[in-house]
Amino acid sequence: MRYYALEKLINLHDGYRKTFKIDDHHLLLVQEEGERFLVESFCPHREHSLLDATIFGDTITCPHHHYQFHLSSGAVLASTEEACRRLRVYSLVEEAREVGVML
């Protein structure tokens, strides 16, 4: 595994959202209510971007078909069509005044 720096801590704030592509990983870094989450950037239902998804508490809602996922665990909380797999969730690592991920 290797550490990949994503963002400086000083740049993070509530409402922060940014996508990253590292090898085959498409990631979405968000901060809401002082908590940071790193998840895959496409909805596992039909692979629509989650960049403009609604986030309330620790729930992210896909803007296209309104599937809901738990940001901490990736569990599917609500589905509107067929079942889909959970959202991939990644552990964030703070190192030297920045946040990153081990992949």
C-alpha atoms as a PDB file:
ATOM      1  CA  MET A   1       0.000   0.000   0.000  1.00  0.00           C
ATOM      2  CA  ARG A   2       1.089   3.546  -0.669  1.00  0.00           C
ATOM      3  CA  TYR A   3       0.092   6.897   0.846  1.00  0.00           C
ATOM      4  CA  TYR A   4      -1.507   9.435  -1.532  1.00  0.00           C
ATOM      5  CA  ALA A   5      -1.920  13.009  -0.326  1.00  0.00           C
ATOM      6  CA  LEU A   6      -5.315  14.475  -1.251  1.00  0.00           C
ATOM      7  CA  GLU A   7      -5.676  17.911   0.354  1.00  0.00           C
ATOM      8  CA  LYS A   8      -4.100  20.253   2.876  1.00  0.00           C
ATOM      9  CA  LEU A   9      -6.052  20.363   6.138  1.00  0.00           C
ATOM     10  CA  ILE A  10      -6.169  24.174   5.999  1.00  0.00           C
ATOM     11  CA  ASN A  11      -8.269  23.980   2.792  1.00  0.00           C
ATOM     12  CA  LEU A  12     -10.981  21.760   4.276  1.00  0.00           C
ATOM     13  CA  HIS A  13     -14.256  23.302   5.465  1.00  0.00           C
ATOM     14  CA  ASP A  14     -17.893  22.292   5.780  1.00  0.00           C
ATOM     15  CA  GLY A  15     -19.310  21.984   2.281  1.00  0.00           C
ATOM     16  CA  TYR A  16     -15.943  20.939   0.808  1.00  0.00           C
ATOM     17  CA  ARG A  17     -16.197  18.445  -2.062  1.00  0.00           C
ATOM     18  CA  LYS A  18     -13.547  17.346  -4.503  1.00  0.00           C
ATOM     19  CA  THR A  19     -13.017  14.309  -6.705  1.00  0.00           C
ATOM     20  CA  PHE A  20      -9.728  12.507  -7.238  1.00  0.00           C
ATOM     21  CA  LYS A  21      -8.619   9.751  -9.600  1.00  0.00           C
ATOM     22  CA  ILE A  22      -5.801   7.543  -8.401  1.00  0.00           C
ATOM     23  CA  ASP A  23      -5.106   4.586 -10.677  1.00  0.00           C
ATOM     24  CA  ASP A  24      -8.509   2.856 -10.985  1.00  0.00           C
ATOM     25  CA  HIS A  25      -9.951   4.537  -7.893  1.00  0.00           C
ATOM     26  CA  HIS A  26     -12.432   7.393  -8.360  1.00  0.00           C
ATOM     27  CA  LEU A  27     -12.716   9.135  -4.995  1.00  0.00           C
ATOM     28  CA  LEU A  28     -14.857  11.863  -3.471  1.00  0.00           C
ATOM     29  CA  LEU A  29     -13.557  13.759  -0.440  1.00  0.00           C
ATOM     30  CA  VAL A  30     -16.221  15.649   1.507  1.00  0.00           C
ATOM     31  CA  GLN A  31     -16.444  17.524   4.776  1.00  0.00           C
ATOM     32  CA  GLU A  32     -19.791  18.136   6.452  1.00  0.00           C
ATOM     33  CA  GLU A  33     -20.500  19.195  10.038  1.00  0.00           C
ATOM     34  CA  GLY A  34     -16.780  18.979  10.845  1.00  0.00           C
ATOM     35  CA  GLU A  35     -16.484  15.368   9.705  1.00  0.00           C
ATOM     36  CA  ARG A  36     -14.480  14.221   6.701  1.00  0.00           C
ATOM     37  CA  PHE A  37     -15.409  11.276   4.510  1.00  0.00           C
ATOM     38  CA  LEU A  38     -13.757   9.611   1.537  1.00  0.00           C
ATOM     39  CA  VAL A  39     -15.994   7.477  -0.664  1.00  0.00           C
ATOM     40  CA  GLU A  40     -16.092   6.327  -4.248  1.00  0.00           C
ATOM     41  CA  SER A  41     -17.205   9.214  -6.453  1.00  0.00           C
ATOM     42  CA  PHE A  42     -19.809   7.302  -8.484  1.00  0.00           C
ATOM     43  CA  CYS A  43     -23.077   5.844  -7.232  1.00  0.00           C
ATOM     44  CA  PRO A  44     -22.895   2.030  -7.280  1.00  0.00           C
ATOM     45  CA  HIS A  45     -26.452   1.891  -8.642  1.00  0.00           C
ATOM     46  CA  ARG A  46     -25.821   3.287 -12.142  1.00  0.00           C
ATOM     47  CA  GLU A  47     -22.473   5.038 -11.712  1.00  0.00           C
ATOM     48  CA  HIS A  48     -23.731   8.619 -11.727  1.00  0.00           C
ATOM     49  CA  SER A  49     -21.403  11.182 -10.171  1.00  0.00           C
ATOM     50  CA  LEU A  50     -21.911  11.902  -6.478  1.00  0.00           C
ATOM     51  CA  LEU A  51     -20.180  15.294  -6.641  1.00  0.00           C
ATOM     52  CA  ASP A  52     -23.565  17.077  -6.540  1.00  0.00           C
ATOM     53  CA  ALA A  53     -25.186  14.601  -4.149  1.00  0.00           C
ATOM     54  CA  THR A  54     -27.131  15.840  -1.145  1.00  0.00           C
ATOM     55  CA  ILE A  55     -25.406  15.233   2.175  1.00  0.00           C
ATOM     56  CA  PHE A  56     -27.297  15.446   5.439  1.00  0.00           C
ATOM     57  CA  GLY A  57     -25.561  14.244   8.572  1.00  0.00           C
ATOM     58  CA  ASP A  58     -23.826  11.033   7.614  1.00  0.00           C
ATOM     59  CA  THR A  59     -26.143  10.214   4.688  1.00  0.00           C
ATOM     60  CA  ILE A  60     -25.350  10.891   1.039  1.00  0.00           C
ATOM     61  CA  THR A  61     -28.192  10.852  -1.516  1.00  0.00           C
ATOM     62  CA  CYS A  62     -27.496  10.332  -5.206  1.00  0.00           C
ATOM     63  CA  PRO A  63     -29.045  13.205  -7.185  1.00  0.00           C
ATOM     64  CA  HIS A  64     -30.225  10.948 -10.028  1.00  0.00           C
ATOM     65  CA  HIS A  65     -32.219   8.063  -8.531  1.00  0.00           C
ATOM     66  CA  HIS A  66     -32.173   9.113  -4.859  1.00  0.00           C
ATOM     67  CA  TYR A  67     -30.354   6.080  -3.506  1.00  0.00           C
ATOM     68  CA  GLN A  68     -29.057   6.822  -0.022  1.00  0.00           C
ATOM     69  CA  PHE A  69     -25.848   5.548   1.557  1.00  0.00           C
ATOM     70  CA  HIS A  70     -24.262   5.821   4.992  1.00  0.00           C
ATOM     71  CA  LEU A  71     -21.041   7.828   4.600  1.00  0.00           C
ATOM     72  CA  SER A  72     -19.200   5.976   7.377  1.00  0.00           C
ATOM     73  CA  SER A  73     -20.053   2.402   6.439  1.00  0.00           C
ATOM     74  CA  GLY A  74     -21.267   2.657   2.835  1.00  0.00           C
ATOM     75  CA  ALA A  75     -24.438   0.726   3.714  1.00  0.00           C
ATOM     76  CA  VAL A  76     -27.438   1.222   1.436  1.00  0.00           C
ATOM     77  CA  LEU A  77     -30.069   3.102   3.449  1.00  0.00           C
ATOM     78  CA  ALA A  78     -32.701   3.592   0.733  1.00  0.00           C
ATOM     79  CA  SER A  79     -33.176   2.425  -2.830  1.00  0.00           C
ATOM     80  CA  THR A  80     -35.744   3.432  -5.405  1.00  0.00           C
ATOM     81  CA  GLU A  81     -35.197   0.740  -8.028  1.00  0.00           C
ATOM     82  CA  GLU A  82     -33.281  -2.544  -7.999  1.00  0.00           C
ATOM     83  CA  ALA A  83     -30.905  -3.419  -5.205  1.00  0.00           C
ATOM     84  CA  CYS A  84     -27.265  -2.350  -5.472  1.00  0.00           C
ATOM     85  CA  ARG A  85     -24.049  -2.942  -3.602  1.00  0.00           C
ATOM     86  CA  ARG A  86     -22.837  -0.704  -0.795  1.00  0.00           C
ATOM     87  CA  LEU A  87     -20.824   2.436  -1.426  1.00  0.00           C
ATOM     88  CA  ARG A  88     -17.062   1.929  -1.128  1.00  0.00           C
ATOM     89  CA  VAL A  89     -15.671   3.846   1.827  1.00  0.00           C
ATOM     90  CA  TYR A  90     -11.980   4.627   2.351  1.00  0.00           C
ATOM     91  CA  SER A  91     -10.113   5.449   5.544  1.00  0.00           C
ATOM     92  CA  LEU A  92      -8.559   8.888   5.659  1.00  0.00           C
ATOM     93  CA  VAL A  93      -5.037   9.363   6.964  1.00  0.00           C
ATOM     94  CA  GLU A  94      -3.808  12.676   8.393  1.00  0.00           C
ATOM     95  CA  GLU A  95      -0.114  13.238   7.837  1.00  0.00           C
ATOM     96  CA  ALA A  96       2.028  16.378   7.874  1.00  0.00           C
ATOM     97  CA  ARG A  97      -0.864  18.890   7.779  1.00  0.00           C
ATOM     98  CA  GLU A  98      -2.675  17.102   4.967  1.00  0.00           C
ATOM     99  CA  VAL A  99      -5.228  14.371   4.539  1.00  0.00           C
ATOM    100  CA  GLY A 100      -4.698  11.392   2.278  1.00  0.00           C
ATOM    101  CA  VAL A 101      -5.431   7.742   1.695  1.00  0.00           C
ATOM    102  CA  MET A 102      -3.517   4.477   1.639  1.00  0.00           C
ATOM    103  CA  LEU A 103      -4.158   2.502  -1.533  1.00  0.00           C
END
